[in-house]
Amino acid sequence: MQETLADSVVVLDFETTGLSPHYGDRAIEIGAVLLEHGEVVDRFQKLMNPGFRISRFIERYTGISNGMLKGQPCCEEVMADFSEFIAGRNIVAHNASFDRRFLDFELKRAKRAYEGACCCSLLVSRRIYQDSPNHRLQTLVAHAGIPETGTFHRALADAEMTAQLWMSMIGRIRRQYGIPAITFEQLRELSTIDKLYTHRYLTALAEER
């Protein structure tokens, strides 16, 4: 995929019946926002019926009830539509390994594929917001002074706030290091280095300008 700027991505979030499709869990909601040059230009949000009743714990945790899922399209139908939304884009998610498991699983069931790259905003936040009490999305939103958008643990609201967190981190790098254009690949690389070397890595990027 062609190298792109970090501020032009799809930020997504899944709500699910549990922790992993390997345990039989399925997606029940997908929410995503498309960022172009740091601005939200499109949104995607759909509930999907996993084909079985969800637990009371998940109903309480997400606010999504079995009644809300009744009559919703199946996962395969929703994910076929979503595959078009993310086609040709890189993606960002908070705790991306979780979302990527469900993305890959549900796309495969829908006989679709995703060829872009993925970056975890949680891993990036551990380098950029090292002074945050923890790196859960709700904590980071408060720590960074980001207005809450909707209810946590609903997919579109979490995607919206993750997108704001992503742009907040990009903005902090731009201000502190004078790097006007940060690529997606640079943030992916940053997410993999020891957090103790964050300053060294970003200083080196600034010197390459």
C-alpha atoms as a PDB file:
ATOM      1  CA  MET A   1       0.000   0.000   0.000  1.00  0.00           C
ATOM      2  CA  GLN A   2       1.193   3.489  -0.823  1.00  0.00           C
ATOM      3  CA  GLU A   3       2.693   5.401   2.112  1.00  0.00           C
ATOM      4  CA  THR A   4       0.072   7.701   3.619  1.00  0.00           C
ATOM      5  CA  LEU A   5      -0.057  10.401   6.247  1.00  0.00           C
ATOM      6  CA  ALA A   6      -1.031   9.340   9.737  1.00  0.00           C
ATOM      7  CA  ASP A   7      -3.982  11.756   9.780  1.00  0.00           C
ATOM      8  CA  SER A   8      -5.735  10.027   6.866  1.00  0.00           C
ATOM      9  CA  VAL A   9      -6.989   6.674   8.173  1.00  0.00           C
ATOM     10  CA  VAL A  10     -10.074   4.716   9.200  1.00  0.00           C
ATOM     11  CA  VAL A  11     -10.475   4.501  12.979  1.00  0.00           C
ATOM     12  CA  LEU A  12     -12.662   1.580  14.008  1.00  0.00           C
ATOM     13  CA  ASP A  13     -14.116  -0.178  17.029  1.00  0.00           C
ATOM     14  CA  PHE A  14     -16.005  -3.441  17.522  1.00  0.00           C
ATOM     15  CA  GLU A  15     -18.463  -4.407  20.223  1.00  0.00           C
ATOM     16  CA  THR A  16     -18.556  -8.175  20.575  1.00  0.00           C
ATOM     17  CA  THR A  17     -20.073 -11.065  22.515  1.00  0.00           C
ATOM     18  CA  GLY A  18     -16.745 -11.815  24.206  1.00  0.00           C
ATOM     19  CA  LEU A  19     -12.980 -11.743  24.004  1.00  0.00           C
ATOM     20  CA  SER A  20     -12.127 -13.764  20.917  1.00  0.00           C
ATOM     21  CA  PRO A  21     -13.683 -15.431  17.874  1.00  0.00           C
ATOM     22  CA  HIS A  22     -11.525 -18.449  18.772  1.00  0.00           C
ATOM     23  CA  TYR A  23     -13.925 -19.002  21.695  1.00  0.00           C
ATOM     24  CA  GLY A  24     -16.985 -18.708  19.476  1.00  0.00           C
ATOM     25  CA  ASP A  25     -17.514 -14.995  20.045  1.00  0.00           C
ATOM     26  CA  ARG A  26     -18.908 -12.765  17.307  1.00  0.00           C
ATOM     27  CA  ALA A  27     -19.166  -9.078  16.534  1.00  0.00           C
ATOM     28  CA  ILE A  28     -22.418  -7.302  17.407  1.00  0.00           C
ATOM     29  CA  GLU A  29     -21.564  -3.723  16.379  1.00  0.00           C
ATOM     30  CA  ILE A  30     -19.032  -1.965  14.192  1.00  0.00           C
ATOM     31  CA  GLY A  31     -18.330   1.751  14.318  1.00  0.00           C
ATOM     32  CA  ALA A  32     -15.757   3.637  12.262  1.00  0.00           C
ATOM     33  CA  VAL A  33     -14.805   7.121  11.153  1.00  0.00           C
ATOM     34  CA  LEU A  34     -12.831   8.080   8.077  1.00  0.00           C
ATOM     35  CA  LEU A  35     -10.216  10.767   8.696  1.00  0.00           C
ATOM     36  CA  GLU A  36      -8.894  12.816   5.793  1.00  0.00           C
ATOM     37  CA  HIS A  37      -6.154  15.273   6.770  1.00  0.00           C
ATOM     38  CA  GLY A  38      -7.347  15.084  10.357  1.00  0.00           C
ATOM     39  CA  GLU A  39     -11.018  15.786   9.638  1.00  0.00           C
ATOM     40  CA  VAL A  40     -13.868  13.287   9.927  1.00  0.00           C
ATOM     41  CA  VAL A  41     -15.343  13.036   6.437  1.00  0.00           C
ATOM     42  CA  ASP A  42     -17.424   9.856   6.752  1.00  0.00           C
ATOM     43  CA  ARG A  43     -18.834   7.462   9.349  1.00  0.00           C
ATOM     44  CA  PHE A  44     -19.965   3.835   9.443  1.00  0.00           C
ATOM     45  CA  GLN A  45     -22.069   2.292  12.198  1.00  0.00           C
ATOM     46  CA  LYS A  46     -24.180  -0.864  12.193  1.00  0.00           C
ATOM     47  CA  LEU A  47     -25.478  -3.403  14.650  1.00  0.00           C
ATOM     48  CA  MET A  48     -25.277  -7.024  13.533  1.00  0.00           C
ATOM     49  CA  ASN A  49     -27.006 -10.162  14.692  1.00  0.00           C
ATOM     50  CA  PRO A  50     -24.492 -12.842  15.742  1.00  0.00           C
ATOM     51  CA  GLY A  51     -27.056 -15.626  15.430  1.00  0.00           C
ATOM     52  CA  PHE A  52     -27.431 -16.321  19.158  1.00  0.00           C
ATOM     53  CA  ARG A  53     -28.482 -14.517  22.322  1.00  0.00           C
ATOM     54  CA  ILE A  54     -25.843 -12.388  24.020  1.00  0.00           C
ATOM     55  CA  SER A  55     -25.157 -12.597  27.751  1.00  0.00           C
ATOM     56  CA  ARG A  56     -26.561 -10.220  30.336  1.00  0.00           C
ATOM     57  CA  PHE A  57     -22.997  -9.143  31.104  1.00  0.00           C
ATOM     58  CA  ILE A  58     -22.483  -7.985  27.501  1.00  0.00           C
ATOM     59  CA  GLU A  59     -25.887  -6.309  27.503  1.00  0.00           C
ATOM     60  CA  ARG A  60     -24.893  -4.321  30.597  1.00  0.00           C
ATOM     61  CA  TYR A  61     -21.336  -3.650  29.412  1.00  0.00           C
ATOM     62  CA  THR A  62     -22.250  -2.368  25.938  1.00  0.00           C
ATOM     63  CA  GLY A  63     -25.807  -1.172  26.395  1.00  0.00           C
ATOM     64  CA  ILE A  64     -26.736  -3.353  23.415  1.00  0.00           C
ATOM     65  CA  SER A  65     -29.666  -5.637  24.220  1.00  0.00           C
ATOM     66  CA  ASN A  66     -30.927  -8.791  22.583  1.00  0.00           C
ATOM     67  CA  GLY A  67     -34.001  -6.811  21.630  1.00  0.00           C
ATOM     68  CA  MET A  68     -31.849  -4.282  19.761  1.00  0.00           C
ATOM     69  CA  LEU A  69     -30.142  -7.073  17.816  1.00  0.00           C
ATOM     70  CA  LYS A  70     -33.365  -8.828  16.844  1.00  0.00           C
ATOM     71  CA  GLY A  71     -34.036  -8.233  13.160  1.00  0.00           C
ATOM     72  CA  GLN A  72     -30.588  -6.719  12.499  1.00  0.00           C
ATOM     73  CA  PRO A  73     -28.584  -7.980   9.499  1.00  0.00           C
ATOM     74  CA  CYS A  74     -26.176 -10.862   9.997  1.00  0.00           C
ATOM     75  CA  CYS A  75     -22.473 -10.260  10.528  1.00  0.00           C
ATOM     76  CA  GLU A  76     -21.588 -11.388   7.011  1.00  0.00           C
ATOM     77  CA  GLU A  77     -23.886  -8.814   5.409  1.00  0.00           C
ATOM     78  CA  VAL A  78     -22.597  -5.941   7.546  1.00  0.00           C
ATOM     79  CA  MET A  79     -18.956  -6.872   7.071  1.00  0.00           C
ATOM     80  CA  ALA A  80     -19.354  -7.106   3.303  1.00  0.00           C
ATOM     81  CA  ASP A  81     -20.507  -3.467   3.391  1.00  0.00           C
ATOM     82  CA  PHE A  82     -17.732  -2.497   5.799  1.00  0.00           C
ATOM     83  CA  SER A  83     -15.061  -4.024   3.577  1.00  0.00           C
ATOM     84  CA  GLU A  84     -15.926  -1.375   0.993  1.00  0.00           C
ATOM     85  CA  PHE A  85     -15.640   1.386   3.615  1.00  0.00           C
ATOM     86  CA  ILE A  86     -12.058   0.413   4.513  1.00  0.00           C
ATOM     87  CA  ALA A  87     -10.873  -0.584   1.046  1.00  0.00           C
ATOM     88  CA  GLY A  88      -7.555   1.094   0.260  1.00  0.00           C
ATOM     89  CA  ARG A  89      -7.218   2.542   3.761  1.00  0.00           C
ATOM     90  CA  ASN A  90      -4.982   1.960   6.749  1.00  0.00           C
ATOM     91  CA  ILE A  91      -6.782   1.406  10.035  1.00  0.00           C
ATOM     92  CA  VAL A  92      -6.347   2.455  13.658  1.00  0.00           C
ATOM     93  CA  ALA A  93      -7.955   0.911  16.735  1.00  0.00           C
ATOM     94  CA  HIS A  94      -7.459   1.159  20.481  1.00  0.00           C
ATOM     95  CA  ASN A  95      -6.056  -2.180  21.639  1.00  0.00           C
ATOM     96  CA  ALA A  96      -5.936  -3.092  17.964  1.00  0.00           C
ATOM     97  CA  SER A  97      -5.032  -6.758  18.449  1.00  0.00           C
ATOM     98  CA  PHE A  98      -8.563  -7.308  19.808  1.00  0.00           C
ATOM     99  CA  ASP A  99     -10.326  -5.498  16.982  1.00  0.00           C
ATOM    100  CA  ARG A 100      -8.074  -6.987  14.316  1.00  0.00           C
ATOM    101  CA  ARG A 101      -8.957 -10.525  15.443  1.00  0.00           C
ATOM    102  CA  PHE A 102     -12.636  -9.827  14.910  1.00  0.00           C
ATOM    103  CA  LEU A 103     -12.065  -7.859  11.714  1.00  0.00           C
ATOM    104  CA  ASP A 104     -10.105 -10.687  10.120  1.00  0.00           C
ATOM    105  CA  PHE A 105     -12.516 -13.368  11.355  1.00  0.00           C
ATOM    106  CA  GLU A 106     -15.702 -11.617  10.271  1.00  0.00           C
ATOM    107  CA  LEU A 107     -14.278 -10.541   6.913  1.00  0.00           C
ATOM    108  CA  LYS A 108     -13.210 -14.115   6.224  1.00  0.00           C
ATOM    109  CA  ARG A 109     -16.715 -15.376   6.965  1.00  0.00           C
ATOM    110  CA  ALA A 110     -18.056 -12.713   4.620  1.00  0.00           C
ATOM    111  CA  LYS A 111     -15.573 -13.897   1.961  1.00  0.00           C
ATOM    112  CA  ARG A 112     -13.865 -10.524   1.981  1.00  0.00           C
ATOM    113  CA  ALA A 113     -10.264  -9.511   2.641  1.00  0.00           C
ATOM    114  CA  TYR A 114      -8.432  -6.480   4.006  1.00  0.00           C
ATOM    115  CA  GLU A 115      -5.018  -5.585   2.636  1.00  0.00           C
ATOM    116  CA  GLY A 116      -4.162  -2.402   4.522  1.00  0.00           C
ATOM    117  CA  ALA A 117      -1.991  -1.918   7.589  1.00  0.00           C
ATOM    118  CA  CYS A 118      -3.124  -1.525  11.192  1.00  0.00           C
ATOM    119  CA  CYS A 119      -1.774   0.598  14.042  1.00  0.00           C
ATOM    120  CA  CYS A 120      -2.699   0.457  17.720  1.00  0.00           C
ATOM    121  CA  SER A 121      -3.495   3.810  19.322  1.00  0.00           C
ATOM    122  CA  LEU A 122      -3.055   2.250  22.762  1.00  0.00           C
ATOM    123  CA  LEU A 123       0.564   1.332  21.992  1.00  0.00           C
ATOM    124  CA  VAL A 124       1.243   4.783  20.547  1.00  0.00           C
ATOM    125  CA  SER A 125      -0.325   6.395  23.634  1.00  0.00           C
ATOM    126  CA  ARG A 126       2.139   4.542  25.881  1.00  0.00           C
ATOM    127  CA  ARG A 127       4.910   6.448  24.092  1.00  0.00           C
ATOM    128  CA  ILE A 128       3.194   9.847  23.733  1.00  0.00           C
ATOM    129  CA  TYR A 129       1.204  10.041  26.985  1.00  0.00           C
ATOM    130  CA  GLN A 130       3.632   8.332  29.349  1.00  0.00           C
ATOM    131  CA  ASP A 131       2.300  10.444  32.231  1.00  0.00           C
ATOM    132  CA  SER A 132      -1.262   9.099  31.911  1.00  0.00           C
ATOM    133  CA  PRO A 133      -2.431   7.043  34.933  1.00  0.00           C
ATOM    134  CA  ASN A 134      -3.243   4.181  32.549  1.00  0.00           C
ATOM    135  CA  HIS A 135      -3.889   3.806  28.846  1.00  0.00           C
ATOM    136  CA  ARG A 136      -7.523   2.802  28.709  1.00  0.00           C
ATOM    137  CA  LEU A 137      -9.463   4.903  26.228  1.00  0.00           C
ATOM    138  CA  GLN A 138     -11.660   6.571  28.846  1.00  0.00           C
ATOM    139  CA  THR A 139      -8.638   7.558  30.945  1.00  0.00           C
ATOM    140  CA  LEU A 140      -6.718   8.913  27.956  1.00  0.00           C
ATOM    141  CA  VAL A 141      -9.683  10.952  26.751  1.00  0.00           C
ATOM    142  CA  ALA A 142      -9.827  12.667  30.150  1.00  0.00           C
ATOM    143  CA  HIS A 143      -6.041  12.983  30.375  1.00  0.00           C
ATOM    144  CA  ALA A 144      -5.763  14.627  26.958  1.00  0.00           C
ATOM    145  CA  GLY A 145      -8.726  16.942  27.582  1.00  0.00           C
ATOM    146  CA  ILE A 146     -10.798  15.432  24.767  1.00  0.00           C
ATOM    147  CA  PRO A 147     -14.572  16.018  24.920  1.00  0.00           C
ATOM    148  CA  GLU A 148     -16.533  12.800  25.384  1.00  0.00           C
ATOM    149  CA  THR A 149     -18.598  11.878  22.328  1.00  0.00           C
ATOM    150  CA  GLY A 150     -21.499   9.575  23.146  1.00  0.00           C
ATOM    151  CA  THR A 151     -21.244   6.587  25.476  1.00  0.00           C
ATOM    152  CA  PHE A 152     -18.123   4.506  26.045  1.00  0.00           C
ATOM    153  CA  HIS A 153     -18.414   0.884  24.876  1.00  0.00           C
ATOM    154  CA  ARG A 154     -20.618   1.785  21.944  1.00  0.00           C
ATOM    155  CA  ALA A 155     -18.689   1.292  18.745  1.00  0.00           C
ATOM    156  CA  LEU A 156     -19.162   4.603  16.955  1.00  0.00           C
ATOM    157  CA  ALA A 157     -18.619   6.682  20.101  1.00  0.00           C
ATOM    158  CA  ASP A 158     -15.420   4.767  20.898  1.00  0.00           C
ATOM    159  CA  ALA A 159     -14.231   5.160  17.297  1.00  0.00           C
ATOM    160  CA  GLU A 160     -14.938   8.906  17.405  1.00  0.00           C
ATOM    161  CA  MET A 161     -13.018   9.347  20.654  1.00  0.00           C
ATOM    162  CA  THR A 162     -10.164   7.140  19.472  1.00  0.00           C
ATOM    163  CA  ALA A 163      -9.925   9.315  16.353  1.00  0.00           C
ATOM    164  CA  GLN A 164      -9.721  12.429  18.542  1.00  0.00           C
ATOM    165  CA  LEU A 165      -7.061  10.754  20.693  1.00  0.00           C
ATOM    166  CA  TRP A 166      -5.117   9.789  17.548  1.00  0.00           C
ATOM    167  CA  MET A 167      -5.178  13.383  16.291  1.00  0.00           C
ATOM    168  CA  SER A 168      -4.261  14.646  19.773  1.00  0.00           C
ATOM    169  CA  MET A 169      -1.129  12.489  19.720  1.00  0.00           C
ATOM    170  CA  ILE A 170      -0.217  13.608  16.213  1.00  0.00           C
ATOM    171  CA  GLY A 171      -0.705  17.211  17.298  1.00  0.00           C
ATOM    172  CA  ARG A 172       1.540  16.748  20.313  1.00  0.00           C
ATOM    173  CA  ILE A 173       4.317  15.319  18.124  1.00  0.00           C
ATOM    174  CA  ARG A 174       3.970  18.186  15.657  1.00  0.00           C
ATOM    175  CA  ARG A 175       4.190  20.801  18.407  1.00  0.00           C
ATOM    176  CA  GLN A 176       6.984  19.264  20.450  1.00  0.00           C
ATOM    177  CA  TYR A 177       9.219  18.129  17.610  1.00  0.00           C
ATOM    178  CA  GLY A 178       8.309  20.461  14.770  1.00  0.00           C
ATOM    179  CA  ILE A 179       7.391  17.598  12.429  1.00  0.00           C
ATOM    180  CA  PRO A 180       4.624  18.902  10.135  1.00  0.00           C
ATOM    181  CA  ALA A 181       3.921  15.650   8.285  1.00  0.00           C
ATOM    182  CA  ILE A 182       3.932  12.315  10.120  1.00  0.00           C
ATOM    183  CA  THR A 183       3.328   9.158   8.157  1.00  0.00           C
ATOM    184  CA  PHE A 184       1.275   6.181   9.229  1.00  0.00           C
ATOM    185  CA  GLU A 185       4.333   3.948   8.963  1.00  0.00           C
ATOM    186  CA  GLN A 186       6.300   6.222  11.314  1.00  0.00           C
ATOM    187  CA  LEU A 187       3.633   5.900  13.999  1.00  0.00           C
ATOM    188  CA  ARG A 188       3.475   2.149  13.462  1.00  0.00           C
ATOM    189  CA  GLU A 189       7.228   1.987  14.002  1.00  0.00           C
ATOM    190  CA  LEU A 190       6.961   4.236  17.065  1.00  0.00           C
ATOM    191  CA  SER A 191       4.388   1.838  18.554  1.00  0.00           C
ATOM    192  CA  THR A 192       6.955  -0.977  18.497  1.00  0.00           C
ATOM    193  CA  ILE A 193       9.981   0.684  20.078  1.00  0.00           C
ATOM    194  CA  ASP A 194      10.769   0.786  23.780  1.00  0.00           C
ATOM    195  CA  LYS A 195       8.972   3.795  25.252  1.00  0.00           C
ATOM    196  CA  LEU A 196      12.274   4.948  26.776  1.00  0.00           C
ATOM    197  CA  TYR A 197      13.486   5.701  23.247  1.00  0.00           C
ATOM    198  CA  THR A 198      10.459   7.743  22.179  1.00  0.00           C
ATOM    199  CA  HIS A 199      12.262  11.074  22.408  1.00  0.00           C
ATOM    200  CA  ARG A 200      15.298   9.763  20.536  1.00  0.00           C
ATOM    201  CA  TYR A 201      13.118   8.334  17.756  1.00  0.00           C
ATOM    202  CA  LEU A 202      11.054  11.515  17.282  1.00  0.00           C
ATOM    203  CA  THR A 203      14.113  13.741  17.496  1.00  0.00           C
ATOM    204  CA  ALA A 204      15.703  11.697  14.705  1.00  0.00           C
ATOM    205  CA  LEU A 205      12.566  12.132  12.584  1.00  0.00           C
ATOM    206  CA  ALA A 206      12.683  15.882  13.147  1.00  0.00           C
ATOM    207  CA  GLU A 207      16.319  16.004  12.077  1.00  0.00           C
ATOM    208  CA  GLU A 208      15.481  14.202   8.824  1.00  0.00           C
ATOM    209  CA  ARG A 209      13.212  17.041   7.690  1.00  0.00           C
END
